[in-house]
Amino acid sequence: MEFLGFLISIIITIYLAINAPKYNKNPWLWAILGFFFGLITLGIFLIKTGRKGLGWLLVIISSIFYVFVLIGILTLFAALMVSPY
């Protein structure tokens, strides 16, 4: 599963590095952001380059995913802080 996430990040990085100069954007900046932040960066790039529908869809879906991950992490910490005594 981690390999799939890493592979998606690499694909997004390559896509942004190749397409950023076509829109007069810095390819290094977009590639680095794409590697670390993945689908949100790709969504923002698509919004800024005029493909708003797909861009907003990616931003919304990835934001919902990150909210669920945050809720899971907070739930885990809350469960660990509860004393068994």
PDB file of N, CA and C in Angstrom:
ATOM      1  N   MET A   1       0.819  -1.193   0.000  1.00  0.00           N
ATOM      2  CA  MET A   1       0.000   0.000   0.000  1.00  0.00           C
ATOM      3  C   MET A   1       0.867   1.263   0.000  1.00  0.00           C
ATOM      4  N   GLU A   2       1.942   1.235   0.789  1.00  0.00           N
ATOM      5  CA  GLU A   2       2.824   2.404   0.810  1.00  0.00           C
ATOM      6  C   GLU A   2       3.508   2.597  -0.539  1.00  0.00           C
ATOM      7  N   PHE A   3       3.796   1.475  -1.195  1.00  0.00           N
ATOM      8  CA  PHE A   3       4.428   1.559  -2.508  1.00  0.00           C
ATOM      9  C   PHE A   3       3.506   2.256  -3.505  1.00  0.00           C
ATOM     10  N   LEU A   4       2.220   1.975  -3.417  1.00  0.00           N
ATOM     11  CA  LEU A   4       1.250   2.607  -4.317  1.00  0.00           C
ATOM     12  C   LEU A   4       1.208   4.122  -4.088  1.00  0.00           C
ATOM     13  N   GLY A   5       1.211   4.544  -2.832  1.00  0.00           N
ATOM     14  CA  GLY A   5       1.232   5.976  -2.529  1.00  0.00           C
ATOM     15  C   GLY A   5       2.491   6.651  -3.038  1.00  0.00           C
ATOM     16  N   PHE A   6       3.624   5.970  -2.862  1.00  0.00           N
ATOM     17  CA  PHE A   6       4.894   6.505  -3.354  1.00  0.00           C
ATOM     18  C   PHE A   6       4.881   6.604  -4.872  1.00  0.00           C
ATOM     19  N   LEU A   7       4.347   5.579  -5.533  1.00  0.00           N
ATOM     20  CA  LEU A   7       4.270   5.579  -6.991  1.00  0.00           C
ATOM     21  C   LEU A   7       3.372   6.708  -7.496  1.00  0.00           C
ATOM     22  N   ILE A   8       2.258   6.942  -6.832  1.00  0.00           N
ATOM     23  CA  ILE A   8       1.361   8.043  -7.216  1.00  0.00           C
ATOM     24  C   ILE A   8       2.071   9.380  -7.045  1.00  0.00           C
ATOM     25  N   SER A   9       2.825   9.544  -5.954  1.00  0.00           N
ATOM     26  CA  SER A   9       3.574  10.789  -5.743  1.00  0.00           C
ATOM     27  C   SER A   9       4.609  11.007  -6.841  1.00  0.00           C
ATOM     28  N   ILE A  10       5.290   9.968  -7.253  1.00  0.00           N
ATOM     29  CA  ILE A  10       6.280  10.076  -8.325  1.00  0.00           C
ATOM     30  C   ILE A  10       5.613  10.457  -9.639  1.00  0.00           C
ATOM     31  N   ILE A  11       4.480   9.840  -9.937  1.00  0.00           N
ATOM     32  CA  ILE A  11       3.755  10.151 -11.175  1.00  0.00           C
ATOM     33  C   ILE A  11       3.286  11.603 -11.175  1.00  0.00           C
ATOM     34  N   ILE A  12       2.749  12.066 -10.060  1.00  0.00           N
ATOM     35  CA  ILE A  12       2.306  13.462  -9.950  1.00  0.00           C
ATOM     36  C   ILE A  12       3.493  14.403 -10.107  1.00  0.00           C
ATOM     37  N   THR A  13       4.630  14.053  -9.483  1.00  0.00           N
ATOM     38  CA  THR A  13       5.837  14.874  -9.582  1.00  0.00           C
ATOM     39  C   THR A  13       6.299  15.008 -11.027  1.00  0.00           C
ATOM     40  N   ILE A  14       6.344  13.901 -11.742  1.00  0.00           N
ATOM     41  CA  ILE A  14       6.779  13.930 -13.138  1.00  0.00           C
ATOM     42  C   ILE A  14       5.805  14.737 -13.988  1.00  0.00           C
ATOM     43  N   TYR A  15       4.501  14.532 -13.774  1.00  0.00           N
ATOM     44  CA  TYR A  15       3.492  15.269 -14.533  1.00  0.00           C
ATOM     45  C   TYR A  15       3.641  16.773 -14.320  1.00  0.00           C
ATOM     46  N   LEU A  16       3.795  17.190 -13.063  1.00  0.00           N
ATOM     47  CA  LEU A  16       3.914  18.623 -12.779  1.00  0.00           C
ATOM     48  C   LEU A  16       5.216  19.202 -13.320  1.00  0.00           C
ATOM     49  N   ALA A  17       6.314  18.456 -13.217  1.00  0.00           N
ATOM     50  CA  ALA A  17       7.597  18.949 -13.717  1.00  0.00           C
ATOM     51  C   ALA A  17       7.568  19.134 -15.233  1.00  0.00           C
ATOM     52  N   ILE A  18       6.856  18.279 -15.929  1.00  0.00           N
ATOM     53  CA  ILE A  18       6.784  18.378 -17.391  1.00  0.00           C
ATOM     54  C   ILE A  18       5.813  19.472 -17.826  1.00  0.00           C
ATOM     55  N   ASN A  19       4.677  19.593 -17.152  1.00  0.00           N
ATOM     56  CA  ASN A  19       3.634  20.510 -17.608  1.00  0.00           C
ATOM     57  C   ASN A  19       3.735  21.922 -17.047  1.00  0.00           C
ATOM     58  N   ALA A  20       4.447  22.130 -15.952  1.00  0.00           N
ATOM     59  CA  ALA A  20       4.551  23.467 -15.368  1.00  0.00           C
ATOM     60  C   ALA A  20       5.146  24.500 -16.330  1.00  0.00           C
ATOM     61  N   PRO A  21       6.221  24.193 -17.056  1.00  0.00           N
ATOM     62  CA  PRO A  21       6.766  25.208 -17.977  1.00  0.00           C
ATOM     63  C   PRO A  21       5.797  25.598 -19.100  1.00  0.00           C
ATOM     64  N   LYS A  22       4.891  24.719 -19.451  1.00  0.00           N
ATOM     65  CA  LYS A  22       3.915  25.044 -20.499  1.00  0.00           C
ATOM     66  C   LYS A  22       2.998  26.185 -20.084  1.00  0.00           C
ATOM     67  N   TYR A  23       2.857  26.386 -18.763  1.00  0.00           N
ATOM     68  CA  TYR A  23       1.988  27.432 -18.235  1.00  0.00           C
ATOM     69  C   TYR A  23       2.795  28.527 -17.531  1.00  0.00           C
ATOM     70  N   ASN A  24       4.080  28.611 -17.847  1.00  0.00           N
ATOM     71  CA  ASN A  24       4.993  29.599 -17.256  1.00  0.00           C
ATOM     72  C   ASN A  24       5.043  29.501 -15.736  1.00  0.00           C
ATOM     73  N   LYS A  25       5.052  28.273 -15.228  1.00  0.00           N
ATOM     74  CA  LYS A  25       5.178  28.015 -13.796  1.00  0.00           C
ATOM     75  C   LYS A  25       6.546  27.387 -13.552  1.00  0.00           C
ATOM     76  N   ASN A  26       7.033  27.529 -12.335  1.00  0.00           N
ATOM     77  CA  ASN A  26       8.326  26.972 -11.966  1.00  0.00           C
ATOM     78  C   ASN A  26       8.200  25.449 -11.818  1.00  0.00           C
ATOM     79  N   PRO A  27       8.879  24.674 -12.675  1.00  0.00           N
ATOM     80  CA  PRO A  27       8.726  23.215 -12.602  1.00  0.00           C
ATOM     81  C   PRO A  27       9.286  22.603 -11.323  1.00  0.00           C
ATOM     82  N   TRP A  28      10.369  23.184 -10.788  1.00  0.00           N
ATOM     83  CA  TRP A  28      10.949  22.636  -9.559  1.00  0.00           C
ATOM     84  C   TRP A  28      10.005  22.819  -8.382  1.00  0.00           C
ATOM     85  N   LEU A  29       9.415  23.993  -8.281  1.00  0.00           N
ATOM     86  CA  LEU A  29       8.492  24.259  -7.180  1.00  0.00           C
ATOM     87  C   LEU A  29       7.300  23.317  -7.231  1.00  0.00           C
ATOM     88  N   TRP A  30       6.680  23.203  -8.395  1.00  0.00           N
ATOM     89  CA  TRP A  30       5.493  22.359  -8.524  1.00  0.00           C
ATOM     90  C   TRP A  30       5.832  20.889  -8.348  1.00  0.00           C
ATOM     91  N   ALA A  31       7.002  20.464  -8.801  1.00  0.00           N
ATOM     92  CA  ALA A  31       7.399  19.061  -8.636  1.00  0.00           C
ATOM     93  C   ALA A  31       7.619  18.716  -7.166  1.00  0.00           C
ATOM     94  N   ILE A  32       8.297  19.603  -6.449  1.00  0.00           N
ATOM     95  CA  ILE A  32       8.543  19.353  -5.019  1.00  0.00           C
ATOM     96  C   ILE A  32       7.229  19.360  -4.247  1.00  0.00           C
ATOM     97  N   LEU A  33       6.383  20.342  -4.505  1.00  0.00           N
ATOM     98  CA  LEU A  33       5.086  20.380  -3.831  1.00  0.00           C
ATOM     99  C   LEU A  33       4.248  19.156  -4.182  1.00  0.00           C
ATOM    100  N   GLY A  34       4.294  18.743  -5.436  1.00  0.00           N
ATOM    101  CA  GLY A  34       3.549  17.570  -5.865  1.00  0.00           C
ATOM    102  C   GLY A  34       4.030  16.296  -5.204  1.00  0.00           C
ATOM    103  N   PHE A  35       5.328  16.185  -4.974  1.00  0.00           N
ATOM    104  CA  PHE A  35       5.854  14.992  -4.322  1.00  0.00           C
ATOM    105  C   PHE A  35       5.395  14.901  -2.872  1.00  0.00           C
ATOM    106  N   PHE A  36       5.427  16.037  -2.163  1.00  0.00           N
ATOM    107  CA  PHE A  36       5.099  16.004  -0.743  1.00  0.00           C
ATOM    108  C   PHE A  36       3.600  16.096  -0.450  1.00  0.00           C
ATOM    109  N   PHE A  37       2.843  16.812  -1.291  1.00  0.00           N
ATOM    110  CA  PHE A  37       1.433  17.023  -0.986  1.00  0.00           C
ATOM    111  C   PHE A  37       0.485  16.352  -1.974  1.00  0.00           C
ATOM    112  N   GLY A  38       1.015  15.717  -3.005  1.00  0.00           N
ATOM    113  CA  GLY A  38       0.249  14.851  -3.883  1.00  0.00           C
ATOM    114  C   GLY A  38      -0.951  15.460  -4.582  1.00  0.00           C
ATOM    115  N   LEU A  39      -2.110  14.859  -4.331  1.00  0.00           N
ATOM    116  CA  LEU A  39      -3.314  15.216  -5.079  1.00  0.00           C
ATOM    117  C   LEU A  39      -3.789  16.642  -4.832  1.00  0.00           C
ATOM    118  N   ILE A  40      -3.565  17.169  -3.646  1.00  0.00           N
ATOM    119  CA  ILE A  40      -3.969  18.569  -3.398  1.00  0.00           C
ATOM    120  C   ILE A  40      -3.166  19.500  -4.299  1.00  0.00           C
ATOM    121  N   THR A  41      -1.865  19.273  -4.414  1.00  0.00           N
ATOM    122  CA  THR A  41      -1.038  20.107  -5.293  1.00  0.00           C
ATOM    123  C   THR A  41      -1.466  19.963  -6.745  1.00  0.00           C
ATOM    124  N   LEU A  42      -1.738  18.741  -7.168  1.00  0.00           N
ATOM    125  CA  LEU A  42      -2.201  18.529  -8.540  1.00  0.00           C
ATOM    126  C   LEU A  42      -3.523  19.257  -8.776  1.00  0.00           C
ATOM    127  N   GLY A  43      -4.427  19.199  -7.809  1.00  0.00           N
ATOM    128  CA  GLY A  43      -5.695  19.905  -7.933  1.00  0.00           C
ATOM    129  C   GLY A  43      -5.511  21.409  -8.038  1.00  0.00           C
ATOM    130  N   ILE A  44      -4.646  21.968  -7.204  1.00  0.00           N
ATOM    131  CA  ILE A  44      -4.384  23.409  -7.254  1.00  0.00           C
ATOM    132  C   ILE A  44      -3.738  23.793  -8.582  1.00  0.00           C
ATOM    133  N   PHE A  45      -2.815  22.957  -9.059  1.00  0.00           N
ATOM    134  CA  PHE A  45      -2.185  23.225 -10.359  1.00  0.00           C
ATOM    135  C   PHE A  45      -3.244  23.235 -11.468  1.00  0.00           C
ATOM    136  N   LEU A  46      -4.140  22.273 -11.443  1.00  0.00           N
ATOM    137  CA  LEU A  46      -5.186  22.222 -12.470  1.00  0.00           C
ATOM    138  C   LEU A  46      -6.106  23.438 -12.388  1.00  0.00           C
ATOM    139  N   ILE A  47      -6.419  23.878 -11.179  1.00  0.00           N
ATOM    140  CA  ILE A  47      -7.255  25.082 -11.013  1.00  0.00           C
ATOM    141  C   ILE A  47      -6.539  26.295 -11.593  1.00  0.00           C
ATOM    142  N   LYS A  48      -5.247  26.442 -11.254  1.00  0.00           N
ATOM    143  CA  LYS A  48      -4.493  27.610 -11.718  1.00  0.00           C
ATOM    144  C   LYS A  48      -4.242  27.607 -13.221  1.00  0.00           C
ATOM    145  N   THR A  49      -4.336  26.437 -13.860  1.00  0.00           N
ATOM    146  CA  THR A  49      -4.092  26.369 -15.300  1.00  0.00           C
ATOM    147  C   THR A  49      -5.385  26.256 -16.105  1.00  0.00           C
ATOM    148  N   GLY A  50      -6.514  26.538 -15.474  1.00  0.00           N
ATOM    149  CA  GLY A  50      -7.766  26.646 -16.208  1.00  0.00           C
ATOM    150  C   GLY A  50      -8.637  25.407 -16.256  1.00  0.00           C
ATOM    151  N   ARG A  51      -8.197  24.317 -15.657  1.00  0.00           N
ATOM    152  CA  ARG A  51      -9.019  23.102 -15.628  1.00  0.00           C
ATOM    153  C   ARG A  51      -9.670  22.987 -14.261  1.00  0.00           C
ATOM    154  N   LYS A  52     -10.600  23.923 -14.018  1.00  0.00           N
ATOM    155  CA  LYS A  52     -11.156  24.110 -12.683  1.00  0.00           C
ATOM    156  C   LYS A  52     -12.012  22.945 -12.195  1.00  0.00           C
ATOM    157  N   GLY A  53     -12.794  22.331 -13.065  1.00  0.00           N
ATOM    158  CA  GLY A  53     -13.676  21.251 -12.636  1.00  0.00           C
ATOM    159  C   GLY A  53     -12.924  20.079 -12.037  1.00  0.00           C
ATOM    160  N   LEU A  54     -11.964  19.565 -12.785  1.00  0.00           N
ATOM    161  CA  LEU A  54     -11.161  18.442 -12.300  1.00  0.00           C
ATOM    162  C   LEU A  54     -10.297  18.861 -11.113  1.00  0.00           C
ATOM    163  N   GLY A  55      -9.780  20.075 -11.158  1.00  0.00           N
ATOM    164  CA  GLY A  55      -8.941  20.564 -10.062  1.00  0.00           C
ATOM    165  C   GLY A  55      -9.699  20.633  -8.755  1.00  0.00           C
ATOM    166  N   TRP A  56     -10.899  21.218  -8.783  1.00  0.00           N
ATOM    167  CA  TRP A  56     -11.697  21.307  -7.564  1.00  0.00           C
ATOM    168  C   TRP A  56     -12.117  19.932  -7.071  1.00  0.00           C
ATOM    169  N   LEU A  57     -12.410  19.032  -7.980  1.00  0.00           N
ATOM    170  CA  LEU A  57     -12.773  17.678  -7.586  1.00  0.00           C
ATOM    171  C   LEU A  57     -11.626  17.004  -6.821  1.00  0.00           C
ATOM    172  N   LEU A  58     -10.416  17.137  -7.334  1.00  0.00           N
ATOM    173  CA  LEU A  58      -9.252  16.553  -6.654  1.00  0.00           C
ATOM    174  C   LEU A  58      -9.003  17.201  -5.296  1.00  0.00           C
ATOM    175  N   VAL A  59      -9.136  18.514  -5.222  1.00  0.00           N
ATOM    176  CA  VAL A  59      -8.909  19.212  -3.953  1.00  0.00           C
ATOM    177  C   VAL A  59      -9.944  18.773  -2.915  1.00  0.00           C
ATOM    178  N   ILE A  60     -11.195  18.683  -3.307  1.00  0.00           N
ATOM    179  CA  ILE A  60     -12.257  18.308  -2.364  1.00  0.00           C
ATOM    180  C   ILE A  60     -12.085  16.863  -1.903  1.00  0.00           C
ATOM    181  N   ILE A  61     -11.842  15.953  -2.832  1.00  0.00           N
ATOM    182  CA  ILE A  61     -11.688  14.542  -2.462  1.00  0.00           C
ATOM    183  C   ILE A  61     -10.476  14.340  -1.560  1.00  0.00           C
ATOM    184  N   SER A  62      -9.350  14.947  -1.901  1.00  0.00           N
ATOM    185  CA  SER A  62      -8.166  14.761  -1.070  1.00  0.00           C
ATOM    186  C   SER A  62      -8.312  15.461   0.280  1.00  0.00           C
ATOM    187  N   SER A  63      -9.024  16.575   0.338  1.00  0.00           N
ATOM    188  CA  SER A  63      -9.265  17.245   1.615  1.00  0.00           C
ATOM    189  C   SER A  63     -10.129  16.383   2.525  1.00  0.00           C
ATOM    190  N   ILE A  64     -11.156  15.765   1.964  1.00  0.00           N
ATOM    191  CA  ILE A  64     -12.000  14.869   2.758  1.00  0.00           C
ATOM    192  C   ILE A  64     -11.177  13.704   3.285  1.00  0.00           C
ATOM    193  N   PHE A  65     -10.301  13.157   2.444  1.00  0.00           N
ATOM    194  CA  PHE A  65      -9.431  12.064   2.886  1.00  0.00           C
ATOM    195  C   PHE A  65      -8.544  12.514   4.041  1.00  0.00           C
ATOM    196  N   TYR A  66      -7.933  13.696   3.932  1.00  0.00           N
ATOM    197  CA  TYR A  66      -7.053  14.180   4.987  1.00  0.00           C
ATOM    198  C   TYR A  66      -7.814  14.442   6.278  1.00  0.00           C
ATOM    199  N   VAL A  67      -9.074  14.884   6.185  1.00  0.00           N
ATOM    200  CA  VAL A  67      -9.880  15.088   7.389  1.00  0.00           C
ATOM    201  C   VAL A  67     -10.120  13.751   8.082  1.00  0.00           C
ATOM    202  N   PHE A  68     -10.429  12.697   7.310  1.00  0.00           N
ATOM    203  CA  PHE A  68     -10.631  11.381   7.910  1.00  0.00           C
ATOM    204  C   PHE A  68      -9.343  10.856   8.553  1.00  0.00           C
ATOM    205  N   VAL A  69      -8.218  11.093   7.926  1.00  0.00           N
ATOM    206  CA  VAL A  69      -6.942  10.673   8.514  1.00  0.00           C
ATOM    207  C   VAL A  69      -6.695  11.427   9.815  1.00  0.00           C
ATOM    208  N   LEU A  70      -6.964  12.724   9.835  1.00  0.00           N
ATOM    209  CA  LEU A  70      -6.782  13.522  11.041  1.00  0.00           C
ATOM    210  C   LEU A  70      -7.705  13.041  12.163  1.00  0.00           C
ATOM    211  N   ILE A  71      -8.951  12.742  11.832  1.00  0.00           N
ATOM    212  CA  ILE A  71      -9.882  12.223  12.840  1.00  0.00           C
ATOM    213  C   ILE A  71      -9.379  10.888  13.384  1.00  0.00           C
ATOM    214  N   GLY A  72      -8.860  10.040  12.509  1.00  0.00           N
ATOM    215  CA  GLY A  72      -8.312   8.762  12.962  1.00  0.00           C
ATOM    216  C   GLY A  72      -7.131   8.930  13.897  1.00  0.00           C
ATOM    217  N   ILE A  73      -6.246   9.858  13.570  1.00  0.00           N
ATOM    218  CA  ILE A  73      -5.078  10.101  14.423  1.00  0.00           C
ATOM    219  C   ILE A  73      -5.507  10.650  15.772  1.00  0.00           C
ATOM    220  N   LEU A  74      -6.436  11.596  15.767  1.00  0.00           N
ATOM    221  CA  LEU A  74      -6.917  12.159  17.032  1.00  0.00           C
ATOM    222  C   LEU A  74      -7.636  11.109  17.871  1.00  0.00           C
ATOM    223  N   THR A  75      -8.389  10.229  17.230  1.00  0.00           N
ATOM    224  CA  THR A  75      -9.065   9.156  17.950  1.00  0.00           C
ATOM    225  C   THR A  75      -8.048   8.197  18.567  1.00  0.00           C
ATOM    226  N   LEU A  76      -6.999   7.896  17.838  1.00  0.00           N
ATOM    227  CA  LEU A  76      -5.951   7.034  18.367  1.00  0.00           C
ATOM    228  C   LEU A  76      -5.287   7.656  19.587  1.00  0.00           C
ATOM    229  N   PHE A  77      -4.942   8.934  19.504  1.00  0.00           N
ATOM    230  CA  PHE A  77      -4.321   9.599  20.651  1.00  0.00           C
ATOM    231  C   PHE A  77      -5.277   9.659  21.841  1.00  0.00           C
ATOM    232  N   ALA A  78      -6.554   9.895  21.580  1.00  0.00           N
ATOM    233  CA  ALA A  78      -7.526   9.923  22.677  1.00  0.00           C
ATOM    234  C   ALA A  78      -7.627   8.559  23.333  1.00  0.00           C
ATOM    235  N   ALA A  79      -7.591   7.496  22.535  1.00  0.00           N
ATOM    236  CA  ALA A  79      -7.659   6.141  23.098  1.00  0.00           C
ATOM    237  C   ALA A  79      -6.405   5.826  23.907  1.00  0.00           C
ATOM    238  N   LEU A  80      -5.263   6.314  23.482  1.00  0.00           N
ATOM    239  CA  LEU A  80      -4.024   6.059  24.216  1.00  0.00           C
ATOM    240  C   LEU A  80      -3.943   6.839  25.514  1.00  0.00           C
ATOM    241  N   MET A  81      -4.615   7.975  25.578  1.00  0.00           N
ATOM    242  CA  MET A  81      -4.561   8.811  26.778  1.00  0.00           C
ATOM    243  C   MET A  81      -5.528   8.354  27.851  1.00  0.00           C
ATOM    244  N   VAL A  82      -6.483   7.514  27.508  1.00  0.00           N
ATOM    245  CA  VAL A  82      -7.431   7.020  28.501  1.00  0.00           C
ATOM    246  C   VAL A  82      -6.716   6.005  29.386  1.00  0.00           C
ATOM    247  N   SER A  83      -6.768   6.263  30.668  1.00  0.00           N
ATOM    248  CA  SER A  83      -6.094   5.380  31.602  1.00  0.00           C
ATOM    249  C   SER A  83      -6.956   4.154  31.875  1.00  0.00           C
ATOM    250  N   PRO A  84      -6.349   2.961  31.921  1.00  0.00           N
ATOM    251  CA  PRO A  84      -7.143   1.762  32.186  1.00  0.00           C
ATOM    252  C   PRO A  84      -7.519   1.601  33.657  1.00  0.00           C
ATOM    253  N   TYR A  85      -7.055   2.476  34.524  1.00  0.00           N
ATOM    254  CA  TYR A  85      -7.329   2.364  35.952  1.00  0.00           C
ATOM    255  C   TYR A  85      -8.492   3.185  36.342  1.00  0.00           C
TER     256      TYR A  85
END
